[in-house]
C-alpha cells in the first residue's frame, strides 16, 4: 500500500509507538513531520527515516497549547506543501491512585492527551478545510480508556475523552470528507514495562527475543505490529471508514462498540426513592462488572 504524495504529522513520534507509526508512514511513501518533546529523539527518528530512503523533518515541542499544534501543521505545509494525516499519539503518563495523584500530575496527563488531541485535531481540521480534498484524523486511545486501569485516573479519563472526540468529530467533519478514527493499541512499550508481569518480557524483546506466541495471541506484540493499521487508515482505501475505534496489536484485531444502554424500564409517573429501593432487586441482574476482563 502506497501513500506517495501524502503528508502526515505524528505527535510523540521520537520513540515507541509514535516512532513506529512515523517510520511505517514514511516507508509507504508519505512525508512525515516527526514531533516529540525530546528534540534529540525527534531528530534521531528523522535520521533513521532518511537512512531508509524516506522523507521527514523534526518539529520538537510539547503538545497541548495551540501554538504547538499550529507549528506542526505549519511545518508540514512549509516543508511538503500540504497536510493529509494528523495522528495524535503524544501524551504523558503519571500513574497514581486517587488519593495520591497531585493536581500537577493530573493536569500534565490531561493537557497532553486531551488538550493535545484537541488542539492538533482542530489545527488539522482547519487546514483540511482550507486546502480541500478531505483528510485523516487518527487519534490514539488505550484499553485503559475503555476499561479503566488501577492507578490511572488521569490516563483513563484522558483516553476515554479521546474516544468521545472520535464520535463528535466524525460527524462534524463528514461533509469535508475528513475521516476520524481511533487506534486502541496494545504493544510492548516502555509503558508496558511498568506492568510487573511484562517487565522482563519487554526487556527480552528489546534485546532481540521474539514475543511469546501466547502474548501475540492476546494482542500484545511489538510497536511495529500496530503500525500497519495507521498506514491503512491513512490511505485512500480507507476513505469510507470513520467514527470507529480499532483494537490492534500482536496477532489480534478488534472493533470496539459504541456505548449503549443495556437495560431500560419505565414506571408511569416515575419513581420515588422508596419505590426505587423496592424495585432495585429486579435491576441488579443487569449490572455489568466494573472490573476489566480477567480480573
Protein backbone atom coordinates (compact mmCIF):
# COMPACT_ATOMS: atom_id res chain seq x y z
CA UNK A 1 0.00 0.00 0.00
CA UNK A 2 1.46 3.34 -1.05
CA UNK A 3 0.99 6.79 0.46
CA UNK A 4 3.02 8.70 -2.11
CA UNK A 5 2.33 12.45 -2.15
CA UNK A 6 0.64 12.31 1.27
CA UNK A 7 1.92 14.36 4.20
CA UNK A 8 1.48 13.31 7.81
CA UNK A 9 2.14 14.70 11.27
CA UNK A 10 2.67 12.18 14.10
CA UNK A 11 2.89 13.63 17.58
CA UNK A 12 5.07 11.93 20.16
CA UNK A 13 6.96 10.06 17.45
CA UNK A 14 10.51 10.23 18.70
CA UNK A 15 10.30 6.73 20.14
CA UNK A 16 7.95 3.85 20.92
CA UNK A 17 4.64 3.52 19.12
CA UNK A 18 4.86 7.00 17.66
CA UNK A 19 8.20 6.31 16.01
CA UNK A 20 6.86 3.05 14.59
CA UNK A 21 3.92 4.99 13.14
CA UNK A 22 6.20 7.62 11.58
CA UNK A 23 8.58 5.05 10.11
CA UNK A 24 5.74 3.00 8.64
CA UNK A 25 4.13 6.04 7.03
CA UNK A 26 7.46 7.10 5.54
CA UNK A 27 8.17 3.56 4.29
CA UNK A 28 4.83 3.68 2.47
CA UNK A 29 5.89 6.90 0.73
CA UNK A 30 4.42 9.63 2.94
CA UNK A 31 6.36 12.70 4.01
CA UNK A 32 6.32 12.94 7.80
CA UNK A 33 6.67 15.63 10.43
CA UNK A 34 8.13 13.91 13.49
CA UNK A 35 7.17 15.59 16.75
CA UNK A 36 8.48 14.89 20.22
CA UNK A 37 9.09 16.81 23.43
CA UNK A 38 12.63 15.40 23.25
CA UNK A 39 14.32 17.16 20.33
CA UNK A 40 17.17 14.65 20.19
CA UNK A 41 14.72 11.74 19.91
CA UNK A 42 12.83 13.52 17.14
CA UNK A 43 16.00 14.14 15.15
CA UNK A 44 17.15 10.54 15.66
CA UNK A 45 13.85 9.29 14.25
CA UNK A 46 14.19 11.61 11.25
CA UNK A 47 17.73 10.35 10.63
CA UNK A 48 16.52 6.75 10.69
CA UNK A 49 13.73 7.54 8.24
CA UNK A 50 16.13 9.35 5.91
CA UNK A 51 18.62 6.47 6.10
CA UNK A 52 15.84 4.14 4.94
CA UNK A 53 15.08 6.40 1.97
CA UNK A 54 12.10 8.26 3.46
CA UNK A 55 11.29 11.94 3.85
CA UNK A 56 10.84 13.51 7.28
CA UNK A 57 11.56 16.61 9.33
CA UNK A 58 11.63 17.13 13.09
CA UNK A 59 9.47 19.64 14.96
CA UNK A 60 10.15 19.45 18.68
CA UNK A 61 7.68 20.66 21.29
CA UNK A 62 5.19 19.57 23.91
CA UNK A 63 1.67 19.17 22.59
CA UNK A 64 -1.19 20.88 24.39
CA UNK A 65 -1.20 24.54 23.52
CA UNK A 66 -2.47 25.91 20.23
CA UNK A 67 0.91 27.32 19.29
CA UNK A 68 2.49 23.86 19.11
CA UNK A 69 -0.41 22.47 17.07
CA UNK A 70 -0.26 25.38 14.63
CA UNK A 71 3.52 24.99 14.35
CA UNK A 72 3.18 21.31 13.47
CA UNK A 73 0.63 21.97 10.73
CA UNK A 74 2.60 24.97 9.52
CA UNK A 75 5.79 22.92 9.29
CA UNK A 76 4.06 20.25 7.24
CA UNK A 77 2.78 22.85 4.80
CA UNK A 78 6.07 24.78 4.64
CA UNK A 79 8.19 21.68 4.04
CA UNK A 80 5.87 19.50 1.95
CA UNK A 81 3.10 21.78 0.67
CA UNK A 82 0.05 20.27 2.37
CA UNK A 83 -1.31 18.10 5.18
CA UNK A 84 -3.24 14.85 4.73
CA UNK A 85 -2.92 12.97 8.02
CA UNK A 86 -2.78 14.04 11.65
CA UNK A 87 -2.03 11.27 14.15
CA UNK A 88 -2.33 12.43 17.77
CA UNK A 89 -0.14 9.93 19.60
CA UNK A 90 1.68 12.08 22.19
CA UNK A 91 0.84 12.02 25.87
CA UNK A 92 2.29 11.77 29.36
CA UNK A 93 1.71 9.07 31.98
CA UNK A 94 1.66 9.57 35.74
CA UNK A 95 0.11 6.52 37.39
CA UNK A 96 -1.07 7.07 40.96
CA UNK A 97 -4.13 6.02 42.92
CA UNK A 98 -6.82 8.61 43.56
CA UNK A 99 -5.60 9.66 46.99
CA UNK A 100 -2.03 10.17 45.80
CA UNK A 101 -2.33 11.82 42.39
CA UNK A 102 -1.49 15.53 42.57
CA UNK A 103 -3.16 18.38 40.74
CA UNK A 104 0.02 18.95 38.74
CA UNK A 105 0.25 15.30 37.66
CA UNK A 106 -3.41 15.19 36.70
CA UNK A 107 -3.12 18.40 34.68
CA UNK A 108 0.01 17.18 32.88
CA UNK A 109 -1.66 13.96 31.71
CA UNK A 110 -4.94 15.61 30.73
CA UNK A 111 -3.26 18.52 28.97
CA UNK A 112 -1.01 16.29 26.88
CA UNK A 113 -3.64 13.74 25.88
CA UNK A 114 -6.91 15.67 25.82
CA UNK A 115 -5.82 19.21 25.07
CA UNK A 116 -3.04 17.95 22.80
CA UNK A 117 -5.51 15.89 20.78
CA UNK A 118 -7.97 18.78 20.69
CA UNK A 119 -5.54 21.48 19.56
CA UNK A 120 -3.82 19.28 16.97
CA UNK A 121 -7.15 17.96 15.69
CA UNK A 122 -8.52 21.48 15.39
CA UNK A 123 -5.43 22.81 13.61
CA UNK A 124 -5.51 19.90 11.16
CA UNK A 125 -9.25 20.26 10.51
CA UNK A 126 -8.79 23.93 9.69
CA UNK A 127 -6.03 23.08 7.23
CA UNK A 128 -8.10 20.32 5.63
CA UNK A 129 -10.95 22.77 5.09
CA UNK A 130 -8.61 25.41 3.65
CA UNK A 131 -6.90 23.13 1.13
CA UNK A 132 -9.94 20.94 0.29
CA UNK A 133 -9.85 17.28 -0.61
CA UNK A 134 -10.55 15.85 2.84
CA UNK A 135 -8.08 14.42 5.30
CA UNK A 136 -7.44 11.90 8.04
CA UNK A 137 -7.60 12.42 11.79
CA UNK A 138 -6.27 9.32 13.53
CA UNK A 139 -6.44 9.54 17.31
CA UNK A 140 -4.77 7.14 19.72
CA UNK A 141 -6.77 5.62 22.54
CA UNK A 142 -5.94 2.91 25.08
CA UNK A 143 -7.63 -0.09 26.71
CA UNK A 144 -7.40 1.98 29.91
CA UNK A 145 -9.84 4.45 28.38
CA UNK A 146 -12.27 1.62 27.65
CA UNK A 147 -11.98 -0.43 30.85
CA UNK A 148 -10.20 1.87 33.27
CA UNK A 149 -6.99 0.87 34.99
CA UNK A 150 -5.94 0.74 38.63
CA UNK A 151 -3.99 3.89 39.47
CA UNK A 152 -4.84 5.52 36.14
CA UNK A 153 -7.42 8.17 36.99
CA UNK A 154 -5.89 10.82 34.74
CA UNK A 155 -4.79 8.50 31.94
CA UNK A 156 -8.04 6.53 31.74
CA UNK A 157 -10.13 9.71 31.82
CA UNK A 158 -7.97 11.24 29.08
CA UNK A 159 -8.17 8.24 26.79
CA UNK A 160 -11.94 7.98 27.28
CA UNK A 161 -12.16 11.63 26.23
CA UNK A 162 -10.15 10.88 23.08
CA UNK A 163 -12.73 8.25 22.07
CA UNK A 164 -15.52 10.77 22.69
CA UNK A 165 -13.79 13.17 20.30
CA UNK A 166 -13.89 10.48 17.59
CA UNK A 167 -17.68 10.25 17.93
CA UNK A 168 -18.13 14.03 17.75
CA UNK A 169 -15.58 14.90 15.08
CA UNK A 170 -16.54 12.08 12.72
CA UNK A 171 -20.00 13.64 12.50
CA UNK A 172 -18.87 17.27 12.37
CA UNK A 173 -16.23 16.75 9.65
CA UNK A 174 -18.06 14.26 7.44
CA UNK A 175 -19.14 16.92 4.93
CA UNK A 176 -15.47 17.86 4.44
CA UNK A 177 -14.57 14.25 3.59
CA UNK A 178 -12.42 14.08 6.71
CA UNK A 179 -12.42 10.69 8.38
CA UNK A 180 -11.88 10.40 12.13
CA UNK A 181 -10.93 7.10 13.75
CA UNK A 182 -9.01 5.85 16.76
CA UNK A 183 -6.41 3.15 17.20
CA UNK A 184 -6.54 1.40 20.59
CA UNK A 185 -3.07 -0.16 20.54
CA UNK A 186 -1.51 -2.88 22.68
CA UNK A 187 2.25 -3.33 22.43
CA UNK A 188 5.37 -3.96 24.45
CA UNK A 189 6.43 -0.37 25.13
CA UNK A 190 8.14 1.46 27.98
CA UNK A 191 4.66 1.96 29.42
CA UNK A 192 4.00 -1.79 29.29
CA UNK A 193 7.30 -2.35 31.10
CA UNK A 194 5.78 -0.72 34.20
CA UNK A 195 3.38 -3.70 34.47
CA UNK A 196 5.20 -6.26 36.67
CA UNK A 197 4.10 -9.26 34.60
CA UNK A 198 5.53 -7.70 31.43
CA UNK A 199 8.74 -6.07 32.71
CA UNK A 200 11.01 -9.00 31.87
CA UNK A 201 9.26 -9.66 28.55
CA UNK A 202 9.77 -6.06 27.42
CA UNK A 203 13.46 -6.26 28.31
CA UNK A 204 13.83 -9.55 26.44
CA UNK A 205 12.09 -8.28 23.31
CA UNK A 206 14.17 -5.10 23.36
CA UNK A 207 17.19 -7.42 23.46
CA UNK A 208 16.06 -9.16 20.27
CA UNK A 209 13.96 -12.04 21.60
CA UNK A 210 10.66 -12.84 19.85
CA UNK A 211 7.36 -12.00 21.51
CA UNK A 212 5.92 -15.15 23.12
CA UNK A 213 3.16 -16.68 20.99
CA UNK A 214 0.71 -16.58 23.91
CA UNK A 215 1.16 -12.82 24.22
CA UNK A 216 0.76 -12.29 20.48
CA UNK A 217 -2.47 -14.28 20.59
CA UNK A 218 -3.72 -11.97 23.35
CA UNK A 219 -2.93 -8.98 21.16
CA UNK A 220 0.39 -7.89 22.60
CA UNK A 221 3.24 -7.63 20.14
CA UNK A 222 5.88 -5.12 19.11
CA UNK A 223 5.25 -1.49 18.25
CA UNK A 224 5.76 -2.35 14.59
CA UNK A 225 2.81 -4.74 14.73
CA UNK A 226 0.46 -1.79 15.31
CA UNK A 227 1.78 0.50 12.56
CA UNK A 228 0.06 -1.18 9.54
CA UNK A 229 -3.35 -0.08 10.84
CA UNK A 230 -2.23 3.55 10.77
CA UNK A 231 -0.97 3.12 7.20
CA UNK A 232 -4.29 1.65 6.11
CA UNK A 233 -6.38 4.33 7.83
CA UNK A 234 -4.21 6.99 6.17
CA UNK A 235 -4.78 5.54 2.70
CA UNK A 236 -7.36 6.24 0.02
CA UNK A 237 -8.67 2.71 0.53
CA UNK A 238 -9.96 3.76 3.97
CA UNK A 239 -11.95 6.74 2.67
CA UNK A 240 -15.25 5.21 3.81
CA UNK A 241 -14.06 4.30 7.31
CA UNK A 242 -14.92 6.84 10.01
CA UNK A 243 -16.19 7.09 13.56
CA UNK A 244 -14.60 3.79 14.60
CA UNK A 245 -12.15 2.61 17.27
CA UNK A 246 -9.96 -0.35 16.42
CA UNK A 247 -8.05 -2.54 18.85
CA UNK A 248 -4.82 -3.71 17.29
CA UNK A 249 -1.69 -5.50 18.40
CA UNK A 250 0.20 -8.75 18.08
CA UNK A 251 -1.99 -11.17 16.13
CA UNK A 252 -5.29 -9.55 17.19
CA UNK A 253 -7.64 -7.07 15.51
CA UNK A 254 -10.86 -5.88 17.16
CA UNK A 255 -13.61 -3.32 16.71
CA UNK A 256 -14.80 -1.56 19.84
CA UNK A 257 -18.53 -0.95 20.23
CA UNK A 258 -20.25 2.37 20.84
CA UNK A 259 -21.76 2.96 24.30
CA UNK A 260 -25.40 1.95 24.62
CA UNK A 261 -27.97 1.29 27.30
CA UNK A 262 -28.07 -2.37 28.36
CA UNK A 263 -31.38 -2.25 30.23
CA UNK A 264 -34.40 0.07 30.06
CA UNK A 265 -37.63 0.01 32.03
CA UNK A 266 -40.39 2.52 32.75
CA UNK A 267 -42.80 3.30 35.55
CA UNK A 268 -45.76 5.57 34.93
CA UNK A 269 -45.31 8.72 36.96
CA UNK A 270 -41.66 7.91 37.67
CA UNK A 271 -40.05 6.69 40.89
CA UNK A 272 -39.69 7.81 44.47
CA UNK A 273 -36.57 6.79 46.38
CA UNK A 274 -38.63 4.24 48.32
CA UNK A 275 -40.06 2.75 45.13
CA UNK A 276 -36.54 2.53 43.65
CA UNK A 277 -35.47 0.65 46.76
CA UNK A 278 -38.33 -1.79 46.28
CA UNK A 279 -37.65 -2.25 42.56
CA UNK A 280 -33.84 -2.36 42.59
CA UNK A 281 -33.60 -6.10 43.15
CA UNK A 282 -35.12 -6.51 39.69
CA UNK A 283 -32.48 -4.24 38.19
CA UNK A 284 -29.31 -5.77 39.63
CA UNK A 285 -29.18 -8.79 37.28
CA UNK A 286 -28.50 -6.25 34.51
CA UNK A 287 -25.46 -4.73 36.27
CA UNK A 288 -22.15 -5.01 34.44
CA UNK A 289 -18.83 -5.87 36.02
CA UNK A 290 -16.71 -2.87 36.96
CA UNK A 291 -13.54 -4.93 36.58
CA UNK A 292 -11.55 -5.40 33.36
CA UNK A 293 -11.79 -8.84 31.74
CA UNK A 294 -9.80 -11.46 33.57
CA UNK A 295 -10.00 -9.68 36.94
